[in-house]
Amino acid sequence: MDVPFVTTLTLESGDRAVLERVVGEVKRRAERKGVELKGPHAETPVEHSVPQAKRCDPDGPRFSSWQYTVYVRRLEVVGHDGFARSVAEEPLPEGIHLDVEVDRVSTPDGR
């Protein structure tokens, strides 16, 4: 008996509209191909603040910090390793980061 895998695709971007479009495209492709897909799950956006120096002197004058938000969506592909691989290998729009994690699902008898 084959032990199925769950591939978690985590997509992140500072551009919420592009992220939603990419996630929507993956979801539509999965539906057309009959792939079991859980999600997309929206995670709490992460706010970042980056200090900006006016010069190379670390103690010198500063500009106001650069503030930006990173949006996160998570999808789980159950089985269908080929579909998950195709999503992971295709080029993504600039500014979209993809992280892939593969987990083996145990059967009730522990195999």
PDB file of N, CA and C in Angstrom:
ATOM      1  N   MET A   1       0.838  -1.180   0.000  1.00  0.00           N
ATOM      2  CA  MET A   1       0.000   0.000   0.000  1.00  0.00           C
ATOM      3  C   MET A   1       0.888   1.251   0.000  1.00  0.00           C
ATOM      4  N   ASP A   2       0.612   2.184  -0.888  1.00  0.00           N
ATOM      5  CA  ASP A   2       1.373   3.430  -0.945  1.00  0.00           C
ATOM      6  C   ASP A   2       0.969   4.340   0.206  1.00  0.00           C
ATOM      7  N   VAL A   3       1.961   4.955   0.820  1.00  0.00           N
ATOM      8  CA  VAL A   3       1.691   5.924   1.864  1.00  0.00           C
ATOM      9  C   VAL A   3       1.621   7.294   1.196  1.00  0.00           C
ATOM     10  N   PRO A   4       0.504   7.998   1.353  1.00  0.00           N
ATOM     11  CA  PRO A   4       0.375   9.289   0.675  1.00  0.00           C
ATOM     12  C   PRO A   4       1.237  10.370   1.333  1.00  0.00           C
ATOM     13  N   PHE A   5       1.495  11.359   0.549  1.00  0.00           N
ATOM     14  CA  PHE A   5       2.245  12.512   1.012  1.00  0.00           C
ATOM     15  C   PHE A   5       1.337  13.725   0.966  1.00  0.00           C
ATOM     16  N   VAL A   6       1.570  14.660   1.863  1.00  0.00           N
ATOM     17  CA  VAL A   6       0.897  15.953   1.836  1.00  0.00           C
ATOM     18  C   VAL A   6       1.976  16.980   1.573  1.00  0.00           C
ATOM     19  N   THR A   7       1.802  17.736   0.503  1.00  0.00           N
ATOM     20  CA  THR A   7       2.751  18.789   0.149  1.00  0.00           C
ATOM     21  C   THR A   7       2.134  20.122   0.534  1.00  0.00           C
ATOM     22  N   THR A   8       2.799  20.835   1.427  1.00  0.00           N
ATOM     23  CA  THR A   8       2.322  22.146   1.851  1.00  0.00           C
ATOM     24  C   THR A   8       3.052  23.210   1.034  1.00  0.00           C
ATOM     25  N   LEU A   9       2.271  24.012   0.341  1.00  0.00           N
ATOM     26  CA  LEU A   9       2.805  25.124  -0.453  1.00  0.00           C
ATOM     27  C   LEU A   9       2.498  26.412   0.311  1.00  0.00           C
ATOM     28  N   THR A  10       3.520  27.120   0.721  1.00  0.00           N
ATOM     29  CA  THR A  10       3.339  28.386   1.419  1.00  0.00           C
ATOM     30  C   THR A  10       3.816  29.496   0.496  1.00  0.00           C
ATOM     31  N   LEU A  11       2.898  30.376   0.134  1.00  0.00           N
ATOM     32  CA  LEU A  11       3.221  31.491  -0.756  1.00  0.00           C
ATOM     33  C   LEU A  11       3.175  32.784   0.037  1.00  0.00           C
ATOM     34  N   GLU A  12       4.179  33.631  -0.181  1.00  0.00           N
ATOM     35  CA  GLU A  12       4.280  34.911   0.523  1.00  0.00           C
ATOM     36  C   GLU A  12       4.550  36.026  -0.479  1.00  0.00           C
ATOM     37  N   SER A  13       3.998  37.197  -0.175  1.00  0.00           N
ATOM     38  CA  SER A  13       4.259  38.361  -1.021  1.00  0.00           C
ATOM     39  C   SER A  13       3.842  39.630  -0.298  1.00  0.00           C
ATOM     40  N   GLY A  14       4.457  40.710  -0.677  1.00  0.00           N
ATOM     41  CA  GLY A  14       4.042  42.022  -0.208  1.00  0.00           C
ATOM     42  C   GLY A  14       2.927  42.584  -1.068  1.00  0.00           C
ATOM     43  N   ASP A  15       2.649  41.953  -2.191  1.00  0.00           N
ATOM     44  CA  ASP A  15       1.593  42.394  -3.111  1.00  0.00           C
ATOM     45  C   ASP A  15       0.411  41.443  -2.969  1.00  0.00           C
ATOM     46  N   ARG A  16      -0.563  41.854  -2.189  1.00  0.00           N
ATOM     47  CA  ARG A  16      -1.707  40.984  -1.879  1.00  0.00           C
ATOM     48  C   ARG A  16      -2.491  40.584  -3.128  1.00  0.00           C
ATOM     49  N   ALA A  17      -2.692  41.506  -4.046  1.00  0.00           N
ATOM     50  CA  ALA A  17      -3.478  41.211  -5.249  1.00  0.00           C
ATOM     51  C   ALA A  17      -2.809  40.140  -6.105  1.00  0.00           C
ATOM     52  N   VAL A  18      -1.509  40.244  -6.295  1.00  0.00           N
ATOM     53  CA  VAL A  18      -0.781  39.245  -7.094  1.00  0.00           C
ATOM     54  C   VAL A  18      -0.805  37.904  -6.368  1.00  0.00           C
ATOM     55  N   LEU A  19      -0.618  37.918  -5.059  1.00  0.00           N
ATOM     56  CA  LEU A  19      -0.661  36.682  -4.283  1.00  0.00           C
ATOM     57  C   LEU A  19      -2.019  35.999  -4.436  1.00  0.00           C
ATOM     58  N   GLU A  20      -3.091  36.740  -4.314  1.00  0.00           N
ATOM     59  CA  GLU A  20      -4.438  36.168  -4.455  1.00  0.00           C
ATOM     60  C   GLU A  20      -4.646  35.602  -5.858  1.00  0.00           C
ATOM     61  N   ARG A  21      -4.123  36.286  -6.863  1.00  0.00           N
ATOM     62  CA  ARG A  21      -4.271  35.800  -8.239  1.00  0.00           C
ATOM     63  C   ARG A  21      -3.533  34.474  -8.429  1.00  0.00           C
ATOM     64  N   VAL A  22      -2.291  34.395  -7.939  1.00  0.00           N
ATOM     65  CA  VAL A  22      -1.496  33.171  -8.087  1.00  0.00           C
ATOM     66  C   VAL A  22      -2.156  32.015  -7.335  1.00  0.00           C
ATOM     67  N   VAL A  23      -2.582  32.253  -6.109  1.00  0.00           N
ATOM     68  CA  VAL A  23      -3.231  31.208  -5.314  1.00  0.00           C
ATOM     69  C   VAL A  23      -4.527  30.764  -5.988  1.00  0.00           C
ATOM     70  N   GLY A  24      -5.280  31.706  -6.516  1.00  0.00           N
ATOM     71  CA  GLY A  24      -6.520  31.372  -7.229  1.00  0.00           C
ATOM     72  C   GLY A  24      -6.264  30.512  -8.452  1.00  0.00           C
ATOM     73  N   GLU A  25      -5.186  30.811  -9.183  1.00  0.00           N
ATOM     74  CA  GLU A  25      -4.837  30.009 -10.361  1.00  0.00           C
ATOM     75  C   GLU A  25      -4.476  28.576  -9.969  1.00  0.00           C
ATOM     76  N   VAL A  26      -3.722  28.414  -8.887  1.00  0.00           N
ATOM     77  CA  VAL A  26      -3.351  27.077  -8.414  1.00  0.00           C
ATOM     78  C   VAL A  26      -4.619  26.319  -8.011  1.00  0.00           C
ATOM     79  N   LYS A  27      -5.503  26.980  -7.305  1.00  0.00           N
ATOM     80  CA  LYS A  27      -6.745  26.335  -6.857  1.00  0.00           C
ATOM     81  C   LYS A  27      -7.602  25.901  -8.050  1.00  0.00           C
ATOM     82  N   ARG A  28      -7.741  26.761  -9.049  1.00  0.00           N
ATOM     83  CA  ARG A  28      -8.536  26.405 -10.247  1.00  0.00           C
ATOM     84  C   ARG A  28      -7.919  25.228 -10.996  1.00  0.00           C
ATOM     85  N   ARG A  29      -6.590  25.222 -11.123  1.00  0.00           N
ATOM     86  CA  ARG A  29      -5.918  24.094 -11.791  1.00  0.00           C
ATOM     87  C   ARG A  29      -6.153  22.794 -11.037  1.00  0.00           C
ATOM     88  N   ALA A  30      -6.077  22.849  -9.711  1.00  0.00           N
ATOM     89  CA  ALA A  30      -6.297  21.657  -8.895  1.00  0.00           C
ATOM     90  C   ALA A  30      -7.718  21.143  -9.082  1.00  0.00           C
ATOM     91  N   GLU A  31      -8.694  22.046  -9.112  1.00  0.00           N
ATOM     92  CA  GLU A  31     -10.092  21.638  -9.302  1.00  0.00           C
ATOM     93  C   GLU A  31     -10.289  20.981 -10.657  1.00  0.00           C
ATOM     94  N   ARG A  32      -9.683  21.553 -11.703  1.00  0.00           N
ATOM     95  CA  ARG A  32      -9.822  20.977 -13.059  1.00  0.00           C
ATOM     96  C   ARG A  32      -9.216  19.586 -13.149  1.00  0.00           C
ATOM     97  N   LYS A  33      -8.138  19.354 -12.410  1.00  0.00           N
ATOM     98  CA  LYS A  33      -7.434  18.068 -12.491  1.00  0.00           C
ATOM     99  C   LYS A  33      -7.918  17.064 -11.436  1.00  0.00           C
ATOM    100  N   GLY A  34      -8.864  17.454 -10.596  1.00  0.00           N
ATOM    101  CA  GLY A  34      -9.372  16.550  -9.575  1.00  0.00           C
ATOM    102  C   GLY A  34      -8.398  16.309  -8.440  1.00  0.00           C
ATOM    103  N   VAL A  35      -7.545  17.278  -8.160  1.00  0.00           N
ATOM    104  CA  VAL A  35      -6.537  17.161  -7.109  1.00  0.00           C
ATOM    105  C   VAL A  35      -7.158  17.579  -5.772  1.00  0.00           C
ATOM    106  N   GLU A  36      -6.929  16.763  -4.726  1.00  0.00           N
ATOM    107  CA  GLU A  36      -7.418  17.132  -3.398  1.00  0.00           C
ATOM    108  C   GLU A  36      -6.528  18.241  -2.854  1.00  0.00           C
ATOM    109  N   LEU A  37      -7.142  19.397  -2.636  1.00  0.00           N
ATOM    110  CA  LEU A  37      -6.419  20.586  -2.203  1.00  0.00           C
ATOM    111  C   LEU A  37      -7.134  21.162  -0.996  1.00  0.00           C
ATOM    112  N   LYS A  38      -6.399  21.393   0.077  1.00  0.00           N
ATOM    113  CA  LYS A  38      -6.966  22.035   1.262  1.00  0.00           C
ATOM    114  C   LYS A  38      -6.445  23.458   1.313  1.00  0.00           C
ATOM    115  N   GLY A  39      -7.360  24.387   1.460  1.00  0.00           N
ATOM    116  CA  GLY A  39      -6.968  25.795   1.505  1.00  0.00           C
ATOM    117  C   GLY A  39      -7.507  26.524   0.297  1.00  0.00           C
ATOM    118  N   PRO A  40      -7.117  27.709   0.087  1.00  0.00           N
ATOM    119  CA  PRO A  40      -6.007  28.399   0.732  1.00  0.00           C
ATOM    120  C   PRO A  40      -6.372  28.876   2.144  1.00  0.00           C
ATOM    121  N   HIS A  41      -5.396  28.778   3.020  1.00  0.00           N
ATOM    122  CA  HIS A  41      -5.526  29.265   4.387  1.00  0.00           C
ATOM    123  C   HIS A  41      -4.749  30.573   4.471  1.00  0.00           C
ATOM    124  N   ALA A  42      -5.424  31.630   4.902  1.00  0.00           N
ATOM    125  CA  ALA A  42      -4.757  32.924   5.065  1.00  0.00           C
ATOM    126  C   ALA A  42      -4.158  32.992   6.459  1.00  0.00           C
ATOM    127  N   GLU A  43      -2.908  33.317   6.530  1.00  0.00           N
ATOM    128  CA  GLU A  43      -2.266  33.508   7.824  1.00  0.00           C
ATOM    129  C   GLU A  43      -2.266  35.001   8.130  1.00  0.00           C
ATOM    130  N   THR A  44      -2.059  35.327   9.376  1.00  0.00           N
ATOM    131  CA  THR A  44      -2.030  36.725   9.781  1.00  0.00           C
ATOM    132  C   THR A  44      -0.891  37.437   9.048  1.00  0.00           C
ATOM    133  N   PRO A  45      -1.188  38.574   8.390  1.00  0.00           N
ATOM    134  CA  PRO A  45      -0.118  39.305   7.703  1.00  0.00           C
ATOM    135  C   PRO A  45       0.972  39.716   8.702  1.00  0.00           C
ATOM    136  N   VAL A  46       2.202  39.718   8.222  1.00  0.00           N
ATOM    137  CA  VAL A  46       3.343  40.065   9.066  1.00  0.00           C
ATOM    138  C   VAL A  46       3.796  41.477   8.701  1.00  0.00           C
ATOM    139  N   GLU A  47       3.838  42.349   9.702  1.00  0.00           N
ATOM    140  CA  GLU A  47       4.279  43.728   9.506  1.00  0.00           C
ATOM    141  C   GLU A  47       5.778  43.811   9.770  1.00  0.00           C
ATOM    142  N   HIS A  48       6.494  44.463   8.864  1.00  0.00           N
ATOM    143  CA  HIS A  48       7.941  44.635   9.016  1.00  0.00           C
ATOM    144  C   HIS A  48       8.277  46.119   9.045  1.00  0.00           C
ATOM    145  N   SER A  49       9.327  46.442   9.779  1.00  0.00           N
ATOM    146  CA  SER A  49       9.838  47.803   9.852  1.00  0.00           C
ATOM    147  C   SER A  49      11.350  47.729   9.689  1.00  0.00           C
ATOM    148  N   VAL A  50      11.870  48.436   8.700  1.00  0.00           N
ATOM    149  CA  VAL A  50      13.306  48.390   8.406  1.00  0.00           C
ATOM    150  C   VAL A  50      13.889  49.790   8.588  1.00  0.00           C
ATOM    151  N   PRO A  51      14.856  49.941   9.509  1.00  0.00           N
ATOM    152  CA  PRO A  51      15.477  51.255   9.688  1.00  0.00           C
ATOM    153  C   PRO A  51      16.309  51.619   8.459  1.00  0.00           C
ATOM    154  N   GLN A  52      16.391  52.921   8.176  1.00  0.00           N
ATOM    155  CA  GLN A  52      17.136  53.390   7.002  1.00  0.00           C
ATOM    156  C   GLN A  52      18.091  54.509   7.414  1.00  0.00           C
ATOM    157  N   ALA A  53      19.376  54.269   7.224  1.00  0.00           N
ATOM    158  CA  ALA A  53      20.381  55.280   7.542  1.00  0.00           C
ATOM    159  C   ALA A  53      20.558  56.216   6.347  1.00  0.00           C
ATOM    160  N   LYS A  54      20.826  57.479   6.620  1.00  0.00           N
ATOM    161  CA  LYS A  54      21.079  58.443   5.551  1.00  0.00           C
ATOM    162  C   LYS A  54      22.498  58.304   5.008  1.00  0.00           C
ATOM    163  N   ARG A  55      23.403  57.778   5.855  1.00  0.00           N
ATOM    164  CA  ARG A  55      24.788  57.554   5.460  1.00  0.00           C
ATOM    165  C   ARG A  55      25.235  56.205   5.986  1.00  0.00           C
ATOM    166  N   CYS A  56      26.446  55.801   5.657  1.00  0.00           N
ATOM    167  CA  CYS A  56      26.976  54.513   6.103  1.00  0.00           C
ATOM    168  C   CYS A  56      27.306  54.496   7.589  1.00  0.00           C
ATOM    169  N   ASP A  57      27.313  55.640   8.221  1.00  0.00           N
ATOM    170  CA  ASP A  57      27.604  55.739   9.650  1.00  0.00           C
ATOM    171  C   ASP A  57      26.412  55.173  10.433  1.00  0.00           C
ATOM    172  N   PRO A  58      26.629  54.078  11.197  1.00  0.00           N
ATOM    173  CA  PRO A  58      25.509  53.454  11.908  1.00  0.00           C
ATOM    174  C   PRO A  58      24.891  54.350  12.984  1.00  0.00           C
ATOM    175  N   ASP A  59      25.655  55.328  13.490  1.00  0.00           N
ATOM    176  CA  ASP A  59      25.124  56.226  14.517  1.00  0.00           C
ATOM    177  C   ASP A  59      24.666  57.558  13.919  1.00  0.00           C
ATOM    178  N   GLY A  60      24.728  57.661  12.610  1.00  0.00           N
ATOM    179  CA  GLY A  60      24.380  58.914  11.950  1.00  0.00           C
ATOM    180  C   GLY A  60      22.876  59.121  11.801  1.00  0.00           C
ATOM    181  N   PRO A  61      22.517  60.171  11.081  1.00  0.00           N
ATOM    182  CA  PRO A  61      21.096  60.492  10.908  1.00  0.00           C
ATOM    183  C   PRO A  61      20.359  59.394  10.130  1.00  0.00           C
ATOM    184  N   ARG A  62      19.071  59.309  10.371  1.00  0.00           N
ATOM    185  CA  ARG A  62      18.249  58.261   9.763  1.00  0.00           C
ATOM    186  C   ARG A  62      17.030  58.859   9.073  1.00  0.00           C
ATOM    187  N   PHE A  63      16.611  58.152   8.048  1.00  0.00           N
ATOM    188  CA  PHE A  63      15.296  58.405   7.450  1.00  0.00           C
ATOM    189  C   PHE A  63      14.274  57.672   8.311  1.00  0.00           C
ATOM    190  N   SER A  64      13.010  57.952   8.110  1.00  0.00           N
ATOM    191  CA  SER A  64      12.004  57.170   8.835  1.00  0.00           C
ATOM    192  C   SER A  64      12.052  55.727   8.326  1.00  0.00           C
ATOM    193  N   SER A  65      11.673  54.796   9.171  1.00  0.00           N
ATOM    194  CA  SER A  65      11.743  53.370   8.833  1.00  0.00           C
ATOM    195  C   SER A  65      10.824  53.041   7.668  1.00  0.00           C
ATOM    196  N   TRP A  66      11.254  52.069   6.899  1.00  0.00           N
ATOM    197  CA  TRP A  66      10.459  51.554   5.793  1.00  0.00           C
ATOM    198  C   TRP A  66       9.512  50.512   6.370  1.00  0.00           C
ATOM    199  N   GLN A  67       8.223  50.705   6.176  1.00  0.00           N
ATOM    200  CA  GLN A  67       7.194  49.804   6.698  1.00  0.00           C
ATOM    201  C   GLN A  67       6.599  49.019   5.534  1.00  0.00           C
ATOM    202  N   TYR A  68       6.457  47.701   5.718  1.00  0.00           N
ATOM    203  CA  TYR A  68       5.783  46.905   4.694  1.00  0.00           C
ATOM    204  C   TYR A  68       5.141  45.675   5.320  1.00  0.00           C
ATOM    205  N   THR A  69       4.188  45.105   4.589  1.00  0.00           N
ATOM    206  CA  THR A  69       3.418  43.958   5.053  1.00  0.00           C
ATOM    207  C   THR A  69       3.672  42.782   4.134  1.00  0.00           C
ATOM    208  N   VAL A  70       3.812  41.587   4.713  1.00  0.00           N
ATOM    209  CA  VAL A  70       3.943  40.365   3.933  1.00  0.00           C
ATOM    210  C   VAL A  70       2.690  39.530   4.184  1.00  0.00           C
ATOM    211  N   TYR A  71       2.025  39.144   3.088  1.00  0.00           N
ATOM    212  CA  TYR A  71       0.815  38.330   3.142  1.00  0.00           C
ATOM    213  C   TYR A  71       1.188  36.878   2.870  1.00  0.00           C
ATOM    214  N   VAL A  72       0.524  35.961   3.572  1.00  0.00           N
ATOM    215  CA  VAL A  72       0.860  34.537   3.489  1.00  0.00           C
ATOM    216  C   VAL A  72      -0.394  33.719   3.209  1.00  0.00           C
ATOM    217  N   ARG A  73      -0.281  32.788   2.248  1.00  0.00           N
ATOM    218  CA  ARG A  73      -1.355  31.825   1.953  1.00  0.00           C
ATOM    219  C   ARG A  73      -0.742  30.439   1.946  1.00  0.00           C
ATOM    220  N   ARG A  74      -1.455  29.476   2.531  1.00  0.00           N
ATOM    221  CA  ARG A  74      -0.964  28.106   2.606  1.00  0.00           C
ATOM    222  C   ARG A  74      -1.972  27.172   1.952  1.00  0.00           C
ATOM    223  N   LEU A  75      -1.468  26.256   1.127  1.00  0.00           N
ATOM    224  CA  LEU A  75      -2.275  25.240   0.449  1.00  0.00           C
ATOM    225  C   LEU A  75      -1.671  23.877   0.754  1.00  0.00           C
ATOM    226  N   GLU A  76      -2.528  22.870   0.957  1.00  0.00           N
ATOM    227  CA  GLU A  76      -2.031  21.511   1.136  1.00  0.00           C
ATOM    228  C   GLU A  76      -2.537  20.644  -0.002  1.00  0.00           C
ATOM    229  N   VAL A  77      -1.616  20.001  -0.684  1.00  0.00           N
ATOM    230  CA  VAL A  77      -1.932  19.076  -1.769  1.00  0.00           C
ATOM    231  C   VAL A  77      -1.806  17.672  -1.186  1.00  0.00           C
ATOM    232  N   VAL A  78      -2.916  16.926  -1.194  1.00  0.00           N
ATOM    233  CA  VAL A  78      -2.921  15.578  -0.632  1.00  0.00           C
ATOM    234  C   VAL A  78      -2.679  14.590  -1.767  1.00  0.00           C
ATOM    235  N   GLY A  79      -1.577  13.823  -1.651  1.00  0.00           N
ATOM    236  CA  GLY A  79      -1.205  12.933  -2.748  1.00  0.00           C
ATOM    237  C   GLY A  79      -0.812  13.787  -3.948  1.00  0.00           C
ATOM    238  N   HIS A  80      -1.080  13.329  -5.138  1.00  0.00           N
ATOM    239  CA  HIS A  80      -0.862  14.108  -6.365  1.00  0.00           C
ATOM    240  C   HIS A  80       0.492  14.806  -6.379  1.00  0.00           C
ATOM    241  N   ASP A  81       1.533  14.015  -6.132  1.00  0.00           N
ATOM    242  CA  ASP A  81       2.886  14.565  -6.079  1.00  0.00           C
ATOM    243  C   ASP A  81       3.272  15.286  -7.368  1.00  0.00           C
ATOM    244  N   GLY A  82       2.825  14.756  -8.498  1.00  0.00           N
ATOM    245  CA  GLY A  82       3.147  15.371  -9.788  1.00  0.00           C
ATOM    246  C   GLY A  82       2.573  16.767  -9.907  1.00  0.00           C
ATOM    247  N   PHE A  83       1.340  16.960  -9.429  1.00  0.00           N
ATOM    248  CA  PHE A  83       0.727  18.292  -9.467  1.00  0.00           C
ATOM    249  C   PHE A  83       1.514  19.252  -8.574  1.00  0.00           C
ATOM    250  N   ALA A  84       1.827  18.810  -7.356  1.00  0.00           N
ATOM    251  CA  ALA A  84       2.576  19.668  -6.430  1.00  0.00           C
ATOM    252  C   ALA A  84       3.931  20.040  -7.022  1.00  0.00           C
ATOM    253  N   ARG A  85       4.595  19.073  -7.644  1.00  0.00           N
ATOM    254  CA  ARG A  85       5.897  19.337  -8.265  1.00  0.00           C
ATOM    255  C   ARG A  85       5.758  20.351  -9.396  1.00  0.00           C
ATOM    256  N   SER A  86       4.703  20.220 -10.210  1.00  0.00           N
ATOM    257  CA  SER A  86       4.534  21.154 -11.331  1.00  0.00           C
ATOM    258  C   SER A  86       4.313  22.580 -10.833  1.00  0.00           C
ATOM    259  N   VAL A  87       3.573  22.737  -9.735  1.00  0.00           N
ATOM    260  CA  VAL A  87       3.359  24.071  -9.168  1.00  0.00           C
ATOM    261  C   VAL A  87       4.686  24.632  -8.652  1.00  0.00           C
ATOM    262  N   ALA A  88       5.463  23.786  -7.971  1.00  0.00           N
ATOM    263  CA  ALA A  88       6.728  24.239  -7.388  1.00  0.00           C
ATOM    264  C   ALA A  88       7.761  24.604  -8.447  1.00  0.00           C
ATOM    265  N   GLU A  89       7.693  23.959  -9.622  1.00  0.00           N
ATOM    266  CA  GLU A  89       8.704  24.191 -10.660  1.00  0.00           C
ATOM    267  C   GLU A  89       8.377  25.342 -11.599  1.00  0.00           C
ATOM    268  N   GLU A  90       7.129  25.774 -11.648  1.00  0.00           N
ATOM    269  CA  GLU A  90       6.797  26.816 -12.620  1.00  0.00           C
ATOM    270  C   GLU A  90       7.229  28.192 -12.122  1.00  0.00           C
ATOM    271  N   PRO A  91       7.570  29.067 -13.046  1.00  0.00           N
ATOM    272  CA  PRO A  91       8.010  30.407 -12.633  1.00  0.00           C
ATOM    273  C   PRO A  91       6.852  31.182 -12.007  1.00  0.00           C
ATOM    274  N   LEU A  92       7.169  31.961 -10.995  1.00  0.00           N
ATOM    275  CA  LEU A  92       6.179  32.780 -10.304  1.00  0.00           C
ATOM    276  C   LEU A  92       6.442  34.248 -10.611  1.00  0.00           C
ATOM    277  N   PRO A  93       5.419  35.071 -10.480  1.00  0.00           N
ATOM    278  CA  PRO A  93       5.642  36.504 -10.684  1.00  0.00           C
ATOM    279  C   PRO A  93       6.675  37.034  -9.692  1.00  0.00           C
ATOM    280  N   GLU A  94       7.358  38.076 -10.085  1.00  0.00           N
ATOM    281  CA  GLU A  94       8.338  38.703  -9.208  1.00  0.00           C
ATOM    282  C   GLU A  94       7.655  39.124  -7.913  1.00  0.00           C
ATOM    283  N   GLY A  95       8.327  38.904  -6.815  1.00  0.00           N
ATOM    284  CA  GLY A  95       7.771  39.301  -5.521  1.00  0.00           C
ATOM    285  C   GLY A  95       6.976  38.210  -4.827  1.00  0.00           C
ATOM    286  N   ILE A  96       6.826  37.052  -5.457  1.00  0.00           N
ATOM    287  CA  ILE A  96       6.132  35.926  -4.835  1.00  0.00           C
ATOM    288  C   ILE A  96       7.196  34.918  -4.394  1.00  0.00           C
ATOM    289  N   HIS A  97       7.151  34.531  -3.130  1.00  0.00           N
ATOM    290  CA  HIS A  97       8.086  33.536  -2.594  1.00  0.00           C
ATOM    291  C   HIS A  97       7.297  32.271  -2.291  1.00  0.00           C
ATOM    292  N   LEU A  98       7.821  31.129  -2.717  1.00  0.00           N
ATOM    293  CA  LEU A  98       7.182  29.837  -2.490  1.00  0.00           C
ATOM    294  C   LEU A  98       8.085  28.965  -1.634  1.00  0.00           C
ATOM    295  N   ASP A  99       7.511  28.401  -0.577  1.00  0.00           N
ATOM    296  CA  ASP A  99       8.203  27.426   0.261  1.00  0.00           C
ATOM    297  C   ASP A  99       7.421  26.120   0.153  1.00  0.00           C
ATOM    298  N   VAL A 100       8.121  25.003  -0.028  1.00  0.00           N
ATOM    299  CA  VAL A 100       7.485  23.695  -0.203  1.00  0.00           C
ATOM    300  C   VAL A 100       7.937  22.771   0.915  1.00  0.00           C
ATOM    301  N   GLU A 101       6.968  22.119   1.539  1.00  0.00           N
ATOM    302  CA  GLU A 101       7.269  21.146   2.584  1.00  0.00           C
ATOM    303  C   GLU A 101       6.477  19.881   2.291  1.00  0.00           C
ATOM    304  N   VAL A 102       7.148  18.734   2.312  1.00  0.00           N
ATOM    305  CA  VAL A 102       6.504  17.453   2.022  1.00  0.00           C
ATOM    306  C   VAL A 102       6.498  16.614   3.294  1.00  0.00           C
ATOM    307  N   ASP A 103       5.307  16.148   3.671  1.00  0.00           N
ATOM    308  CA  ASP A 103       5.162  15.301   4.854  1.00  0.00           C
ATOM    309  C   ASP A 103       4.546  13.982   4.458  1.00  0.00           C
ATOM    310  N   ARG A 104       5.055  12.920   5.038  1.00  0.00           N
ATOM    311  CA  ARG A 104       4.497  11.594   4.824  1.00  0.00           C
ATOM    312  C   ARG A 104       3.349  11.394   5.808  1.00  0.00           C
ATOM    313  N   VAL A 105       2.230  10.914   5.311  1.00  0.00           N
ATOM    314  CA  VAL A 105       1.060  10.711   6.151  1.00  0.00           C
ATOM    315  C   VAL A 105       1.061   9.263   6.637  1.00  0.00           C
ATOM    316  N   SER A 106       0.997   9.089   7.930  1.00  0.00           N
ATOM    317  CA  SER A 106       0.972   7.744   8.512  1.00  0.00           C
ATOM    318  C   SER A 106      -0.428   7.143   8.396  1.00  0.00           C
ATOM    319  N   THR A 107      -0.468   5.840   8.224  1.00  0.00           N
ATOM    320  CA  THR A 107      -1.738   5.121   8.215  1.00  0.00           C
ATOM    321  C   THR A 107      -2.114   4.795   9.654  1.00  0.00           C
ATOM    322  N   PRO A 108      -3.376   4.462   9.921  1.00  0.00           N
ATOM    323  CA  PRO A 108      -3.796   4.161  11.280  1.00  0.00           C
ATOM    324  C   PRO A 108      -2.987   3.028  11.930  1.00  0.00           C
ATOM    325  N   ASP A 109      -2.449   2.106  11.122  1.00  0.00           N
ATOM    326  CA  ASP A 109      -1.680   1.003  11.711  1.00  0.00           C
ATOM    327  C   ASP A 109      -0.210   1.371  11.940  1.00  0.00           C
ATOM    328  N   GLY A 110       0.127   2.678  11.730  1.00  0.00           N
ATOM    329  CA  GLY A 110       1.462   3.155  12.041  1.00  0.00           C
ATOM    330  C   GLY A 110       2.501   3.006  10.952  1.00  0.00           C
ATOM    331  N   ARG A 111       2.124   2.551   9.772  1.00  0.00           N
ATOM    332  CA  ARG A 111       3.094   2.402   8.674  1.00  0.00           C
ATOM    333  C   ARG A 111       3.383   3.702   8.003  1.00  0.00           C
TER     334      ARG A 111
END
